[in-house]
Amino acid sequence: MGTKGSLSLRGWESSRGENHRTAKLTDDDVRQIRRLFGTMPHKDIAAKFGVHKSVISHIKTRKRWSHVV
């Protein structure tokens, strides 16, 4: 298995979620973000995790990080 973001003999390794080389969030961060929905505004959640508020919206609608349960 290749390292994070490296090319393996089979092609690109899975670069989904926290395994992506530019990921700012971990799977656990996403779970925590989902628990915070309804308790604070998206912009405050985004500031807490250092991402844009649109990232929070995409997590909520499962357009991003849909593989995290």
PDB file of N, CA and C in Angstrom:
ATOM      1  N   MET A   1       0.849  -1.177   0.000  1.00  0.00           N
ATOM      2  CA  MET A   1       0.000   0.000   0.000  1.00  0.00           C
ATOM      3  C   MET A   1       0.891   1.235   0.000  1.00  0.00           C
ATOM      4  N   GLY A   2       0.560   2.194  -0.812  1.00  0.00           N
ATOM      5  CA  GLY A   2       1.356   3.416  -0.913  1.00  0.00           C
ATOM      6  C   GLY A   2       1.129   4.354   0.250  1.00  0.00           C
ATOM      7  N   THR A   3       1.947   5.372   0.298  1.00  0.00           N
ATOM      8  CA  THR A   3       1.757   6.380   1.331  1.00  0.00           C
ATOM      9  C   THR A   3       0.690   7.357   0.911  1.00  0.00           C
ATOM     10  N   LYS A   4       0.341   8.224   1.800  1.00  0.00           N
ATOM     11  CA  LYS A   4      -0.725   9.199   1.585  1.00  0.00           C
ATOM     12  C   LYS A   4      -0.515   9.965   0.281  1.00  0.00           C
ATOM     13  N   GLY A   5      -1.435   9.793  -0.676  1.00  0.00           N
ATOM     14  CA  GLY A   5      -1.381  10.530  -1.933  1.00  0.00           C
ATOM     15  C   GLY A   5      -0.360  10.017  -2.925  1.00  0.00           C
ATOM     16  N   SER A   6       0.226   8.838  -2.685  1.00  0.00           N
ATOM     17  CA  SER A   6       1.245   8.340  -3.601  1.00  0.00           C
ATOM     18  C   SER A   6       0.623   7.429  -4.651  1.00  0.00           C
ATOM     19  N   LEU A   7       1.359   7.214  -5.707  1.00  0.00           N
ATOM     20  CA  LEU A   7       0.917   6.353  -6.790  1.00  0.00           C
ATOM     21  C   LEU A   7       1.386   4.936  -6.510  1.00  0.00           C
ATOM     22  N   SER A   8       0.490   3.977  -6.514  1.00  0.00           N
ATOM     23  CA  SER A   8       0.863   2.584  -6.293  1.00  0.00           C
ATOM     24  C   SER A   8       0.882   1.870  -7.635  1.00  0.00           C
ATOM     25  N   LEU A   9       1.241   0.612  -7.625  1.00  0.00           N
ATOM     26  CA  LEU A   9       1.262  -0.166  -8.853  1.00  0.00           C
ATOM     27  C   LEU A   9      -0.128  -0.334  -9.446  1.00  0.00           C
ATOM     28  N   ARG A  10      -1.160  -0.297  -8.608  1.00  0.00           N
ATOM     29  CA  ARG A  10      -2.539  -0.466  -9.073  1.00  0.00           C
ATOM     30  C   ARG A  10      -3.173   0.845  -9.495  1.00  0.00           C
ATOM     31  N   GLY A  11      -2.508   1.939  -9.324  1.00  0.00           N
ATOM     32  CA  GLY A  11      -3.087   3.254  -9.589  1.00  0.00           C
ATOM     33  C   GLY A  11      -3.156   4.030  -8.297  1.00  0.00           C
ATOM     34  N   TRP A  12      -3.933   5.073  -8.271  1.00  0.00           N
ATOM     35  CA  TRP A  12      -4.036   5.904  -7.071  1.00  0.00           C
ATOM     36  C   TRP A  12      -4.682   5.131  -5.946  1.00  0.00           C
ATOM     37  N   GLU A  13      -4.058   5.185  -4.792  1.00  0.00           N
ATOM     38  CA  GLU A  13      -4.653   4.611  -3.595  1.00  0.00           C
ATOM     39  C   GLU A  13      -5.884   5.433  -3.235  1.00  0.00           C
ATOM     40  N   SER A  14      -6.723   4.891  -2.414  1.00  0.00           N
ATOM     41  CA  SER A  14      -7.916   5.608  -1.974  1.00  0.00           C
ATOM     42  C   SER A  14      -7.513   6.920  -1.317  1.00  0.00           C
ATOM     43  N   SER A  15      -8.072   7.993  -1.815  1.00  0.00           N
ATOM     44  CA  SER A  15      -7.757   9.305  -1.239  1.00  0.00           C
ATOM     45  C   SER A  15      -9.046   9.956  -0.763  1.00  0.00           C
ATOM     46  N   ARG A  16      -9.838   9.182  -0.101  1.00  0.00           N
ATOM     47  CA  ARG A  16     -11.131   9.642   0.376  1.00  0.00           C
ATOM     48  C   ARG A  16     -11.012  10.101   1.825  1.00  0.00           C
ATOM     49  N   GLY A  17     -11.658  11.208   2.142  1.00  0.00           N
ATOM     50  CA  GLY A  17     -11.707  11.679   3.519  1.00  0.00           C
ATOM     51  C   GLY A  17     -10.354  12.054   4.081  1.00  0.00           C
ATOM     52  N   GLU A  18     -10.068  11.569   5.274  1.00  0.00           N
ATOM     53  CA  GLU A  18      -8.829  11.962   5.950  1.00  0.00           C
ATOM     54  C   GLU A  18      -7.592  11.387   5.267  1.00  0.00           C
ATOM     55  N   ASN A  19      -7.754  10.416   4.369  1.00  0.00           N
ATOM     56  CA  ASN A  19      -6.619   9.866   3.636  1.00  0.00           C
ATOM     57  C   ASN A  19      -6.178  10.755   2.478  1.00  0.00           C
ATOM     58  N   HIS A  20      -6.991  11.740   2.125  1.00  0.00           N
ATOM     59  CA  HIS A  20      -6.614  12.654   1.058  1.00  0.00           C
ATOM     60  C   HIS A  20      -5.474  13.536   1.546  1.00  0.00           C
ATOM     61  N   ARG A  21      -4.515  13.785   0.679  1.00  0.00           N
ATOM     62  CA  ARG A  21      -3.310  14.505   1.104  1.00  0.00           C
ATOM     63  C   ARG A  21      -3.563  15.941   1.529  1.00  0.00           C
ATOM     64  N   THR A  22      -4.682  16.545   1.144  1.00  0.00           N
ATOM     65  CA  THR A  22      -4.968  17.928   1.535  1.00  0.00           C
ATOM     66  C   THR A  22      -6.074  18.039   2.578  1.00  0.00           C
ATOM     67  N   ALA A  23      -6.484  16.913   3.158  1.00  0.00           N
ATOM     68  CA  ALA A  23      -7.585  16.914   4.121  1.00  0.00           C
ATOM     69  C   ALA A  23      -7.239  17.743   5.357  1.00  0.00           C
ATOM     70  N   LYS A  24      -8.180  18.578   5.759  1.00  0.00           N
ATOM     71  CA  LYS A  24      -8.024  19.369   6.984  1.00  0.00           C
ATOM     72  C   LYS A  24      -8.791  18.750   8.143  1.00  0.00           C
ATOM     73  N   LEU A  25      -9.688  17.832   7.827  1.00  0.00           N
ATOM     74  CA  LEU A  25     -10.528  17.204   8.846  1.00  0.00           C
ATOM     75  C   LEU A  25     -10.249  15.711   8.908  1.00  0.00           C
ATOM     76  N   THR A  26     -10.501  15.146  10.067  1.00  0.00           N
ATOM     77  CA  THR A  26     -10.437  13.691  10.231  1.00  0.00           C
ATOM     78  C   THR A  26     -11.863  13.155  10.303  1.00  0.00           C
ATOM     79  N   ASP A  27     -11.985  11.845  10.230  1.00  0.00           N
ATOM     80  CA  ASP A  27     -13.307  11.231  10.363  1.00  0.00           C
ATOM     81  C   ASP A  27     -13.931  11.600  11.704  1.00  0.00           C
ATOM     82  N   ASP A  28     -13.125  11.614  12.752  1.00  0.00           N
ATOM     83  CA  ASP A  28     -13.636  11.976  14.078  1.00  0.00           C
ATOM     84  C   ASP A  28     -14.100  13.432  14.123  1.00  0.00           C
ATOM     85  N   ASP A  29     -13.396  14.325  13.413  1.00  0.00           N
ATOM     86  CA  ASP A  29     -13.832  15.725  13.327  1.00  0.00           C
ATOM     87  C   ASP A  29     -15.217  15.805  12.693  1.00  0.00           C
ATOM     88  N   VAL A  30     -15.425  15.049  11.628  1.00  0.00           N
ATOM     89  CA  VAL A  30     -16.712  15.068  10.924  1.00  0.00           C
ATOM     90  C   VAL A  30     -17.825  14.567  11.836  1.00  0.00           C
ATOM     91  N   ARG A  31     -17.544  13.521  12.601  1.00  0.00           N
ATOM     92  CA  ARG A  31     -18.549  13.019  13.547  1.00  0.00           C
ATOM     93  C   ARG A  31     -18.880  14.088  14.594  1.00  0.00           C
ATOM     94  N   GLN A  32     -17.867  14.771  15.071  1.00  0.00           N
ATOM     95  CA  GLN A  32     -18.085  15.822  16.065  1.00  0.00           C
ATOM     96  C   GLN A  32     -18.871  16.982  15.458  1.00  0.00           C
ATOM     97  N   ILE A  33     -18.559  17.349  14.217  1.00  0.00           N
ATOM     98  CA  ILE A  33     -19.286  18.416  13.517  1.00  0.00           C
ATOM     99  C   ILE A  33     -20.758  18.046  13.407  1.00  0.00           C
ATOM    100  N   ARG A  34     -21.049  16.806  13.051  1.00  0.00           N
ATOM    101  CA  ARG A  34     -22.443  16.373  12.924  1.00  0.00           C
ATOM    102  C   ARG A  34     -23.184  16.449  14.257  1.00  0.00           C
ATOM    103  N   ARG A  35     -22.480  16.179  15.348  1.00  0.00           N
ATOM    104  CA  ARG A  35     -23.115  16.294  16.670  1.00  0.00           C
ATOM    105  C   ARG A  35     -23.405  17.745  17.024  1.00  0.00           C
ATOM    106  N   LEU A  36     -22.641  18.681  16.460  1.00  0.00           N
ATOM    107  CA  LEU A  36     -22.813  20.106  16.772  1.00  0.00           C
ATOM    108  C   LEU A  36     -23.950  20.764  15.985  1.00  0.00           C
ATOM    109  N   PHE A  37     -24.436  20.105  14.917  1.00  0.00           N
ATOM    110  CA  PHE A  37     -25.538  20.687  14.146  1.00  0.00           C
ATOM    111  C   PHE A  37     -26.710  20.978  15.059  1.00  0.00           C
ATOM    112  N   GLY A  38     -27.262  22.166  14.940  1.00  0.00           N
ATOM    113  CA  GLY A  38     -28.410  22.550  15.743  1.00  0.00           C
ATOM    114  C   GLY A  38     -28.047  23.174  17.077  1.00  0.00           C
ATOM    115  N   THR A  39     -26.761  23.088  17.451  1.00  0.00           N
ATOM    116  CA  THR A  39     -26.349  23.668  18.732  1.00  0.00           C
ATOM    117  C   THR A  39     -25.605  24.987  18.554  1.00  0.00           C
ATOM    118  N   MET A  40     -25.066  25.217  17.353  1.00  0.00           N
ATOM    119  CA  MET A  40     -24.361  26.468  17.071  1.00  0.00           C
ATOM    120  C   MET A  40     -24.398  26.734  15.575  1.00  0.00           C
ATOM    121  N   PRO A  41     -24.244  27.993  15.157  1.00  0.00           N
ATOM    122  CA  PRO A  41     -24.284  28.336  13.729  1.00  0.00           C
ATOM    123  C   PRO A  41     -23.135  27.687  12.947  1.00  0.00           C
ATOM    124  N   HIS A  42     -23.373  27.439  11.664  1.00  0.00           N
ATOM    125  CA  HIS A  42     -22.360  26.833  10.798  1.00  0.00           C
ATOM    126  C   HIS A  42     -21.063  27.628  10.795  1.00  0.00           C
ATOM    127  N   LYS A  43     -21.162  28.954  10.806  1.00  0.00           N
ATOM    128  CA  LYS A  43     -19.940  29.768  10.763  1.00  0.00           C
ATOM    129  C   LYS A  43     -19.096  29.563  12.017  1.00  0.00           C
ATOM    130  N   ASP A  44     -19.732  29.330  13.160  1.00  0.00           N
ATOM    131  CA  ASP A  44     -18.992  29.080  14.404  1.00  0.00           C
ATOM    132  C   ASP A  44     -18.352  27.688  14.406  1.00  0.00           C
ATOM    133  N   ILE A  45     -19.080  26.713  13.869  1.00  0.00           N
ATOM    134  CA  ILE A  45     -18.517  25.369  13.745  1.00  0.00           C
ATOM    135  C   ILE A  45     -17.308  25.416  12.805  1.00  0.00           C
ATOM    136  N   ALA A  46     -17.467  26.125  11.686  1.00  0.00           N
ATOM    137  CA  ALA A  46     -16.380  26.241  10.708  1.00  0.00           C
ATOM    138  C   ALA A  46     -15.146  26.891  11.332  1.00  0.00           C
ATOM    139  N   ALA A  47     -15.342  27.948  12.101  1.00  0.00           N
ATOM    140  CA  ALA A  47     -14.224  28.631  12.751  1.00  0.00           C
ATOM    141  C   ALA A  47     -13.526  27.703  13.736  1.00  0.00           C
ATOM    142  N   LYS A  48     -14.281  26.909  14.436  1.00  0.00           N
ATOM    143  CA  LYS A  48     -13.714  25.982  15.429  1.00  0.00           C
ATOM    144  C   LYS A  48     -12.789  24.955  14.770  1.00  0.00           C
ATOM    145  N   PHE A  49     -13.145  24.532  13.551  1.00  0.00           N
ATOM    146  CA  PHE A  49     -12.368  23.507  12.858  1.00  0.00           C
ATOM    147  C   PHE A  49     -11.448  24.062  11.763  1.00  0.00           C
ATOM    148  N   GLY A  50     -11.457  25.368  11.564  1.00  0.00           N
ATOM    149  CA  GLY A  50     -10.557  25.986  10.594  1.00  0.00           C
ATOM    150  C   GLY A  50     -10.893  25.720   9.143  1.00  0.00           C
ATOM    151  N   VAL A  51     -12.188  25.616   8.850  1.00  0.00           N
ATOM    152  CA  VAL A  51     -12.643  25.400   7.475  1.00  0.00           C
ATOM    153  C   VAL A  51     -13.701  26.450   7.126  1.00  0.00           C
ATOM    154  N   HIS A  52     -14.064  26.532   5.865  1.00  0.00           N
ATOM    155  CA  HIS A  52     -15.089  27.473   5.415  1.00  0.00           C
ATOM    156  C   HIS A  52     -16.471  26.934   5.784  1.00  0.00           C
ATOM    157  N   LYS A  53     -17.419  27.833   5.983  1.00  0.00           N
ATOM    158  CA  LYS A  53     -18.770  27.408   6.370  1.00  0.00           C
ATOM    159  C   LYS A  53     -19.433  26.533   5.313  1.00  0.00           C
ATOM    160  N   SER A  54     -19.022  26.653   4.048  1.00  0.00           N
ATOM    161  CA  SER A  54     -19.597  25.794   3.008  1.00  0.00           C
ATOM    162  C   SER A  54     -19.193  24.331   3.218  1.00  0.00           C
ATOM    163  N   VAL A  55     -18.024  24.099   3.799  1.00  0.00           N
ATOM    164  CA  VAL A  55     -17.604  22.734   4.117  1.00  0.00           C
ATOM    165  C   VAL A  55     -18.562  22.131   5.131  1.00  0.00           C
ATOM    166  N   ILE A  56     -18.943  22.913   6.117  1.00  0.00           N
ATOM    167  CA  ILE A  56     -19.882  22.451   7.139  1.00  0.00           C
ATOM    168  C   ILE A  56     -21.230  22.122   6.499  1.00  0.00           C
ATOM    169  N   SER A  57     -21.685  22.974   5.600  1.00  0.00           N
ATOM    170  CA  SER A  57     -22.947  22.735   4.904  1.00  0.00           C
ATOM    171  C   SER A  57     -22.882  21.456   4.076  1.00  0.00           C
ATOM    172  N   HIS A  58     -21.762  21.226   3.386  1.00  0.00           N
ATOM    173  CA  HIS A  58     -21.612  20.018   2.572  1.00  0.00           C
ATOM    174  C   HIS A  58     -21.557  18.761   3.439  1.00  0.00           C
ATOM    175  N   ILE A  59     -20.991  18.873   4.626  1.00  0.00           N
ATOM    176  CA  ILE A  59     -20.993  17.734   5.549  1.00  0.00           C
ATOM    177  C   ILE A  59     -22.425  17.440   5.994  1.00  0.00           C
ATOM    178  N   LYS A  60     -23.172  18.492   6.299  1.00  0.00           N
ATOM    179  CA  LYS A  60     -24.551  18.317   6.764  1.00  0.00           C
ATOM    180  C   LYS A  60     -25.419  17.647   5.700  1.00  0.00           C
ATOM    181  N   THR A  61     -25.265  18.072   4.447  1.00  0.00           N
ATOM    182  CA  THR A  61     -26.079  17.509   3.365  1.00  0.00           C
ATOM    183  C   THR A  61     -25.473  16.237   2.776  1.00  0.00           C
ATOM    184  N   ARG A  62     -24.332  15.802   3.337  1.00  0.00           N
ATOM    185  CA  ARG A  62     -23.610  14.612   2.918  1.00  0.00           C
ATOM    186  C   ARG A  62     -23.132  14.668   1.477  1.00  0.00           C
ATOM    187  N   LYS A  63     -22.905  15.891   0.963  1.00  0.00           N
ATOM    188  CA  LYS A  63     -22.266  16.044  -0.332  1.00  0.00           C
ATOM    189  C   LYS A  63     -20.769  15.736  -0.217  1.00  0.00           C
ATOM    190  N   ARG A  64     -20.254  15.898   0.978  1.00  0.00           N
ATOM    191  CA  ARG A  64     -18.868  15.581   1.296  1.00  0.00           C
ATOM    192  C   ARG A  64     -18.877  14.712   2.563  1.00  0.00           C
ATOM    193  N   TRP A  65     -17.889  13.858   2.686  1.00  0.00           N
ATOM    194  CA  TRP A  65     -17.720  13.009   3.849  1.00  0.00           C
ATOM    195  C   TRP A  65     -18.916  12.078   4.053  1.00  0.00           C
ATOM    196  N   SER A  66     -19.565  11.675   2.981  1.00  0.00           N
ATOM    197  CA  SER A  66     -20.738  10.809   3.105  1.00  0.00           C
ATOM    198  C   SER A  66     -20.366   9.400   3.581  1.00  0.00           C
ATOM    199  N   HIS A  67     -19.115   9.024   3.440  1.00  0.00           N
ATOM    200  CA  HIS A  67     -18.674   7.698   3.850  1.00  0.00           C
ATOM    201  C   HIS A  67     -18.517   7.568   5.367  1.00  0.00           C
ATOM    202  N   VAL A  68     -18.525   8.704   6.081  1.00  0.00           N
ATOM    203  CA  VAL A  68     -18.373   8.680   7.538  1.00  0.00           C
ATOM    204  C   VAL A  68     -19.738   8.505   8.181  1.00  0.00           C
ATOM    205  N   VAL A  69     -19.851   7.499   9.000  1.00  0.00           N
ATOM    206  CA  VAL A  69     -21.130   7.210   9.660  1.00  0.00           C
ATOM    207  C   VAL A  69     -21.239   7.944  10.965  1.00  0.00           C
TER     208      VAL A  69
END
